[in-house]
Amino acid sequence: MRIHGRIGDWAVDLTVELDGAEWAQLRGVLPAVADEAPPAGAPATAPATAGDRLWALAQELLRRAGALDGPQLFAELSALAGGEEAGKRLLVRLRHCPQVAVEAAGDAPVYRWTGAAADQ
């Protein structure tokens, strides 16, 4: 897992590596969104696997909420992904996801989970 960004004037670039048992322990203290993550034996350091896991968590976040306005969803995705850049990528991916409807509403779009297609 890579965490990068800024804390005040300080640049932060941190890599955290966890083994299967540590992922299992972390999963036990995370909110319910993480409950559907792959088993602890799955490789935690493969970039595609980490990206897939993050994508699944982003979809689950919106599915559980039902609908979120753009700024709120962006804030939650940024927190989930560990930075605004990664949060923006997830937001764009959700915008083009077949299970998500984006509706114009006031000042910000509303992202609504429709679940219309399977396995995105």
N, C-alpha and C. Protein backbone atom coordinates (compact mmCIF):
# COMPACT_ATOMS: atom_id res chain seq x y z
N MET A 1 0.86 -1.15 0.00
CA MET A 1 0.00 0.00 0.00
C MET A 1 0.91 1.21 0.00
N ARG A 2 0.64 2.19 -0.86
CA ARG A 2 1.44 3.40 -0.92
C ARG A 2 0.59 4.58 -0.51
N ILE A 3 1.14 5.38 0.37
CA ILE A 3 0.46 6.58 0.85
C ILE A 3 1.36 7.76 0.51
N HIS A 4 0.80 8.72 -0.22
CA HIS A 4 1.59 9.91 -0.51
C HIS A 4 0.68 11.12 -0.52
N GLY A 5 1.27 12.24 -0.19
CA GLY A 5 0.52 13.49 -0.12
C GLY A 5 1.30 14.50 0.68
N ARG A 6 0.60 15.36 1.38
CA ARG A 6 1.24 16.41 2.16
C ARG A 6 0.60 16.51 3.53
N ILE A 7 1.44 16.78 4.51
CA ILE A 7 0.98 17.13 5.85
C ILE A 7 1.58 18.51 6.11
N GLY A 8 0.74 19.52 5.95
CA GLY A 8 1.25 20.89 6.04
C GLY A 8 2.25 21.13 4.93
N ASP A 9 3.47 21.53 5.30
CA ASP A 9 4.52 21.78 4.31
C ASP A 9 5.34 20.54 4.00
N TRP A 10 5.10 19.44 4.68
CA TRP A 10 5.92 18.24 4.52
C TRP A 10 5.32 17.30 3.48
N ALA A 11 6.17 16.87 2.57
CA ALA A 11 5.75 15.85 1.60
C ALA A 11 5.82 14.48 2.28
N VAL A 12 4.81 13.65 2.03
CA VAL A 12 4.76 12.32 2.63
C VAL A 12 4.71 11.30 1.50
N ASP A 13 5.61 10.31 1.55
CA ASP A 13 5.61 9.21 0.60
C ASP A 13 5.97 7.96 1.40
N LEU A 14 4.99 7.14 1.70
CA LEU A 14 5.15 6.02 2.61
C LEU A 14 4.65 4.75 1.95
N THR A 15 5.44 3.68 2.07
CA THR A 15 5.01 2.38 1.58
C THR A 15 4.84 1.46 2.79
N VAL A 16 3.68 0.82 2.86
CA VAL A 16 3.38 -0.09 3.97
C VAL A 16 3.17 -1.48 3.39
N GLU A 17 3.93 -2.45 3.91
CA GLU A 17 3.77 -3.83 3.46
C GLU A 17 3.28 -4.66 4.64
N LEU A 18 2.22 -5.43 4.40
CA LEU A 18 1.63 -6.27 5.45
C LEU A 18 1.56 -7.70 4.96
N ASP A 19 1.78 -8.66 5.87
CA ASP A 19 1.61 -10.06 5.49
C ASP A 19 0.14 -10.44 5.68
N GLY A 20 -0.21 -11.66 5.33
CA GLY A 20 -1.60 -12.11 5.38
C GLY A 20 -2.24 -11.97 6.74
N ALA A 21 -1.51 -12.30 7.81
CA ALA A 21 -2.05 -12.20 9.16
C ALA A 21 -2.31 -10.75 9.55
N GLU A 22 -1.42 -9.86 9.13
CA GLU A 22 -1.60 -8.44 9.44
C GLU A 22 -2.81 -7.86 8.70
N TRP A 23 -3.01 -8.29 7.43
CA TRP A 23 -4.19 -7.84 6.69
C TRP A 23 -5.46 -8.33 7.39
N ALA A 24 -5.44 -9.57 7.87
CA ALA A 24 -6.60 -10.12 8.57
C ALA A 24 -6.90 -9.33 9.83
N GLN A 25 -5.86 -8.97 10.58
CA GLN A 25 -6.04 -8.18 11.79
C GLN A 25 -6.58 -6.79 11.45
N LEU A 26 -6.04 -6.18 10.41
CA LEU A 26 -6.52 -4.86 9.99
C LEU A 26 -7.97 -4.92 9.53
N ARG A 27 -8.32 -5.98 8.81
CA ARG A 27 -9.69 -6.14 8.33
C ARG A 27 -10.67 -6.22 9.50
N GLY A 28 -10.21 -6.75 10.62
CA GLY A 28 -11.07 -6.86 11.80
C GLY A 28 -11.41 -5.53 12.44
N VAL A 29 -10.61 -4.49 12.21
CA VAL A 29 -10.88 -3.19 12.83
C VAL A 29 -11.41 -2.16 11.84
N LEU A 30 -11.46 -2.50 10.54
CA LEU A 30 -11.97 -1.57 9.54
C LEU A 30 -13.50 -1.61 9.50
N PRO A 31 -14.12 -0.56 8.95
CA PRO A 31 -15.59 -0.56 8.83
C PRO A 31 -16.07 -1.73 7.96
N ALA A 32 -17.35 -1.95 7.97
CA ALA A 32 -17.97 -3.09 7.28
C ALA A 32 -17.67 -3.12 5.79
N VAL A 33 -17.34 -2.01 5.15
CA VAL A 33 -17.03 -1.99 3.72
C VAL A 33 -15.91 -2.96 3.41
N ALA A 34 -14.95 -3.12 4.32
CA ALA A 34 -13.80 -3.98 4.07
C ALA A 34 -14.12 -5.46 4.29
N ASP A 35 -15.29 -5.79 4.81
CA ASP A 35 -15.62 -7.18 5.10
C ASP A 35 -15.63 -8.07 3.87
N GLU A 36 -15.87 -7.51 2.69
CA GLU A 36 -15.95 -8.32 1.49
C GLU A 36 -14.64 -8.36 0.72
N ALA A 37 -13.54 -7.98 1.35
CA ALA A 37 -12.22 -8.03 0.71
C ALA A 37 -11.81 -9.48 0.50
N PRO A 38 -10.86 -9.72 -0.42
CA PRO A 38 -10.40 -11.08 -0.66
C PRO A 38 -9.79 -11.70 0.59
N PRO A 39 -9.68 -13.03 0.63
CA PRO A 39 -9.14 -13.71 1.80
C PRO A 39 -7.72 -13.24 2.13
N ALA A 40 -7.33 -13.45 3.39
CA ALA A 40 -6.03 -12.99 3.87
C ALA A 40 -4.88 -13.65 3.11
N GLY A 41 -5.07 -14.81 2.55
CA GLY A 41 -4.01 -15.49 1.83
C GLY A 41 -3.71 -14.90 0.46
N ALA A 42 -4.56 -14.00 -0.02
CA ALA A 42 -4.36 -13.38 -1.32
C ALA A 42 -3.14 -12.47 -1.27
N PRO A 43 -2.36 -12.39 -2.35
CA PRO A 43 -1.18 -11.53 -2.34
C PRO A 43 -1.57 -10.08 -2.13
N ALA A 44 -0.91 -9.43 -1.18
CA ALA A 44 -1.26 -8.05 -0.83
C ALA A 44 -0.37 -7.04 -1.51
N THR A 45 0.70 -7.47 -2.17
CA THR A 45 1.64 -6.51 -2.73
C THR A 45 1.53 -6.36 -4.24
N ALA A 46 0.77 -7.20 -4.92
CA ALA A 46 0.63 -7.08 -6.36
C ALA A 46 -0.19 -5.84 -6.70
N PRO A 47 0.35 -4.92 -7.51
CA PRO A 47 -0.36 -3.67 -7.81
C PRO A 47 -1.75 -3.88 -8.39
N ALA A 48 -1.92 -4.85 -9.31
CA ALA A 48 -3.24 -5.07 -9.90
C ALA A 48 -4.22 -5.53 -8.84
N THR A 49 -3.79 -6.39 -7.94
CA THR A 49 -4.65 -6.88 -6.89
C THR A 49 -5.05 -5.75 -5.95
N ALA A 50 -4.10 -4.90 -5.58
CA ALA A 50 -4.41 -3.77 -4.70
C ALA A 50 -5.38 -2.81 -5.39
N GLY A 51 -5.17 -2.57 -6.68
CA GLY A 51 -6.07 -1.70 -7.44
C GLY A 51 -7.46 -2.29 -7.56
N ASP A 52 -7.51 -3.60 -7.80
CA ASP A 52 -8.81 -4.28 -7.89
C ASP A 52 -9.54 -4.20 -6.55
N ARG A 53 -8.79 -4.38 -5.47
CA ARG A 53 -9.38 -4.32 -4.14
C ARG A 53 -9.93 -2.92 -3.87
N LEU A 54 -9.17 -1.91 -4.23
CA LEU A 54 -9.59 -0.52 -4.03
C LEU A 54 -10.83 -0.22 -4.88
N TRP A 55 -10.85 -0.70 -6.11
CA TRP A 55 -12.00 -0.50 -6.99
C TRP A 55 -13.25 -1.18 -6.40
N ALA A 56 -13.08 -2.38 -5.89
CA ALA A 56 -14.21 -3.09 -5.27
C ALA A 56 -14.72 -2.32 -4.04
N LEU A 57 -13.81 -1.77 -3.25
CA LEU A 57 -14.22 -1.00 -2.07
C LEU A 57 -14.95 0.29 -2.47
N ALA A 58 -14.49 0.92 -3.55
CA ALA A 58 -15.16 2.14 -4.03
C ALA A 58 -16.58 1.83 -4.48
N GLN A 59 -16.75 0.74 -5.20
CA GLN A 59 -18.10 0.34 -5.64
C GLN A 59 -18.98 0.00 -4.45
N GLU A 60 -18.41 -0.71 -3.48
CA GLU A 60 -19.16 -1.10 -2.29
C GLU A 60 -19.59 0.12 -1.49
N LEU A 61 -18.71 1.11 -1.41
CA LEU A 61 -19.03 2.34 -0.70
C LEU A 61 -20.28 3.00 -1.29
N LEU A 62 -20.31 3.14 -2.62
CA LEU A 62 -21.46 3.75 -3.26
C LEU A 62 -22.69 2.85 -3.19
N ARG A 63 -22.49 1.54 -3.33
CA ARG A 63 -23.62 0.61 -3.26
C ARG A 63 -24.32 0.72 -1.91
N ARG A 64 -23.53 0.74 -0.83
CA ARG A 64 -24.11 0.82 0.51
C ARG A 64 -24.79 2.16 0.76
N ALA A 65 -24.21 3.23 0.22
CA ALA A 65 -24.80 4.55 0.42
C ALA A 65 -26.06 4.72 -0.44
N GLY A 66 -26.09 4.07 -1.59
CA GLY A 66 -27.22 4.23 -2.50
C GLY A 66 -27.02 5.40 -3.44
N ALA A 67 -26.74 6.57 -2.88
CA ALA A 67 -26.49 7.77 -3.68
C ALA A 67 -25.67 8.75 -2.86
N LEU A 68 -24.73 9.42 -3.52
CA LEU A 68 -23.92 10.45 -2.88
C LEU A 68 -23.68 11.58 -3.86
N ASP A 69 -23.63 12.81 -3.36
CA ASP A 69 -23.30 13.90 -4.26
C ASP A 69 -21.81 13.87 -4.55
N GLY A 70 -21.44 14.47 -5.68
CA GLY A 70 -20.06 14.41 -6.15
C GLY A 70 -19.00 14.81 -5.12
N PRO A 71 -19.13 15.98 -4.48
CA PRO A 71 -18.10 16.38 -3.51
C PRO A 71 -17.98 15.42 -2.32
N GLN A 72 -19.09 14.92 -1.82
CA GLN A 72 -19.04 13.98 -0.70
C GLN A 72 -18.40 12.67 -1.14
N LEU A 73 -18.78 12.17 -2.31
CA LEU A 73 -18.21 10.93 -2.83
C LEU A 73 -16.72 11.09 -3.07
N PHE A 74 -16.32 12.23 -3.64
CA PHE A 74 -14.90 12.50 -3.88
C PHE A 74 -14.11 12.49 -2.57
N ALA A 75 -14.65 13.12 -1.54
CA ALA A 75 -13.96 13.16 -0.24
C ALA A 75 -13.80 11.75 0.32
N GLU A 76 -14.85 10.96 0.24
CA GLU A 76 -14.77 9.59 0.77
C GLU A 76 -13.83 8.71 -0.05
N LEU A 77 -13.84 8.87 -1.38
CA LEU A 77 -12.93 8.10 -2.22
C LEU A 77 -11.48 8.51 -1.99
N SER A 78 -11.24 9.81 -1.81
CA SER A 78 -9.89 10.28 -1.53
C SER A 78 -9.36 9.71 -0.22
N ALA A 79 -10.22 9.67 0.78
CA ALA A 79 -9.82 9.10 2.07
C ALA A 79 -9.56 7.60 1.92
N LEU A 80 -10.41 6.92 1.18
CA LEU A 80 -10.27 5.48 0.97
C LEU A 80 -8.98 5.17 0.21
N ALA A 81 -8.68 5.98 -0.81
CA ALA A 81 -7.53 5.72 -1.69
C ALA A 81 -6.23 6.30 -1.14
N GLY A 82 -6.31 7.16 -0.15
CA GLY A 82 -5.09 7.72 0.42
C GLY A 82 -4.60 8.98 -0.25
N GLY A 83 -5.43 9.63 -1.06
CA GLY A 83 -5.01 10.88 -1.69
C GLY A 83 -6.02 11.35 -2.71
N GLU A 84 -5.97 12.64 -3.03
CA GLU A 84 -6.93 13.22 -3.97
C GLU A 84 -6.76 12.69 -5.39
N GLU A 85 -5.52 12.49 -5.82
CA GLU A 85 -5.29 12.02 -7.19
C GLU A 85 -5.93 10.64 -7.40
N ALA A 86 -5.71 9.74 -6.47
CA ALA A 86 -6.30 8.41 -6.56
C ALA A 86 -7.82 8.48 -6.40
N GLY A 87 -8.30 9.41 -5.56
CA GLY A 87 -9.74 9.61 -5.40
C GLY A 87 -10.39 10.08 -6.69
N LYS A 88 -9.71 10.97 -7.43
CA LYS A 88 -10.23 11.44 -8.72
C LYS A 88 -10.32 10.31 -9.72
N ARG A 89 -9.28 9.45 -9.74
CA ARG A 89 -9.33 8.31 -10.67
C ARG A 89 -10.51 7.40 -10.38
N LEU A 90 -10.77 7.14 -9.09
CA LEU A 90 -11.92 6.29 -8.73
C LEU A 90 -13.23 6.98 -9.09
N LEU A 91 -13.31 8.28 -8.89
CA LEU A 91 -14.54 9.03 -9.21
C LEU A 91 -14.83 8.96 -10.72
N VAL A 92 -13.79 9.14 -11.54
CA VAL A 92 -13.96 9.05 -12.99
C VAL A 92 -14.37 7.63 -13.39
N ARG A 93 -13.75 6.66 -12.75
CA ARG A 93 -14.10 5.26 -13.06
C ARG A 93 -15.54 4.96 -12.69
N LEU A 94 -16.00 5.49 -11.55
CA LEU A 94 -17.40 5.30 -11.17
C LEU A 94 -18.34 6.00 -12.15
N ARG A 95 -17.94 7.18 -12.63
CA ARG A 95 -18.77 7.92 -13.58
C ARG A 95 -19.06 7.09 -14.82
N HIS A 96 -18.10 6.26 -15.22
CA HIS A 96 -18.25 5.46 -16.44
C HIS A 96 -18.66 4.02 -16.17
N CYS A 97 -18.93 3.70 -14.93
CA CYS A 97 -19.31 2.35 -14.53
C CYS A 97 -20.78 2.09 -14.88
N PRO A 98 -21.10 0.95 -15.51
CA PRO A 98 -22.48 0.67 -15.89
C PRO A 98 -23.44 0.53 -14.71
N GLN A 99 -22.93 0.28 -13.52
CA GLN A 99 -23.79 0.14 -12.34
C GLN A 99 -24.10 1.48 -11.69
N VAL A 100 -23.57 2.57 -12.24
CA VAL A 100 -23.73 3.89 -11.63
C VAL A 100 -24.43 4.84 -12.59
N ALA A 101 -25.42 5.55 -12.07
CA ALA A 101 -26.09 6.61 -12.84
C ALA A 101 -25.65 7.94 -12.24
N VAL A 102 -25.25 8.86 -13.11
CA VAL A 102 -24.84 10.19 -12.65
C VAL A 102 -25.94 11.16 -13.09
N GLU A 103 -26.51 11.85 -12.10
CA GLU A 103 -27.63 12.75 -12.36
C GLU A 103 -27.24 14.18 -12.00
N ALA A 104 -27.63 15.11 -12.84
CA ALA A 104 -27.41 16.52 -12.54
C ALA A 104 -28.41 16.94 -11.47
N ALA A 105 -27.89 17.54 -10.38
CA ALA A 105 -28.77 17.98 -9.29
C ALA A 105 -28.14 19.19 -8.62
N GLY A 106 -28.69 20.35 -8.87
CA GLY A 106 -28.17 21.55 -8.23
C GLY A 106 -26.76 21.87 -8.65
N ASP A 107 -25.90 22.12 -7.67
CA ASP A 107 -24.52 22.52 -7.94
C ASP A 107 -23.59 21.35 -8.22
N ALA A 108 -23.97 20.15 -7.84
CA ALA A 108 -23.07 19.00 -7.98
C ALA A 108 -23.84 17.79 -8.49
N PRO A 109 -23.17 16.93 -9.27
CA PRO A 109 -23.84 15.71 -9.72
C PRO A 109 -24.08 14.75 -8.56
N VAL A 110 -25.07 13.91 -8.72
CA VAL A 110 -25.36 12.88 -7.74
C VAL A 110 -25.04 11.54 -8.39
N TYR A 111 -24.21 10.76 -7.70
CA TYR A 111 -23.84 9.42 -8.16
C TYR A 111 -24.77 8.44 -7.46
N ARG A 112 -25.52 7.66 -8.25
CA ARG A 112 -26.50 6.74 -7.71
C ARG A 112 -26.16 5.32 -8.15
N TRP A 113 -26.11 4.39 -7.20
CA TRP A 113 -25.85 2.99 -7.51
C TRP A 113 -27.11 2.37 -8.08
N THR A 114 -27.03 1.81 -9.29
CA THR A 114 -28.19 1.17 -9.89
C THR A 114 -28.03 -0.35 -9.90
N GLY A 115 -26.80 -0.81 -9.90
CA GLY A 115 -26.54 -2.24 -9.94
C GLY A 115 -27.01 -2.86 -11.24
N ALA A 116 -27.13 -2.06 -12.32
CA ALA A 116 -27.72 -2.50 -13.58
C ALA A 116 -26.94 -3.63 -14.25
N ALA A 117 -25.63 -3.64 -14.16
CA ALA A 117 -24.83 -4.68 -14.80
C ALA A 117 -23.99 -5.39 -13.74
N ALA A 118 -23.55 -6.57 -14.05
CA ALA A 118 -22.77 -7.33 -13.09
C ALA A 118 -21.29 -7.28 -13.45
N ASP A 119 -20.45 -7.38 -12.42
CA ASP A 119 -19.01 -7.52 -12.55
C ASP A 119 -18.35 -6.47 -13.42
N GLN A 120 -18.20 -5.29 -12.90
CA GLN A 120 -17.43 -4.26 -13.59
C GLN A 120 -16.07 -4.18 -13.00
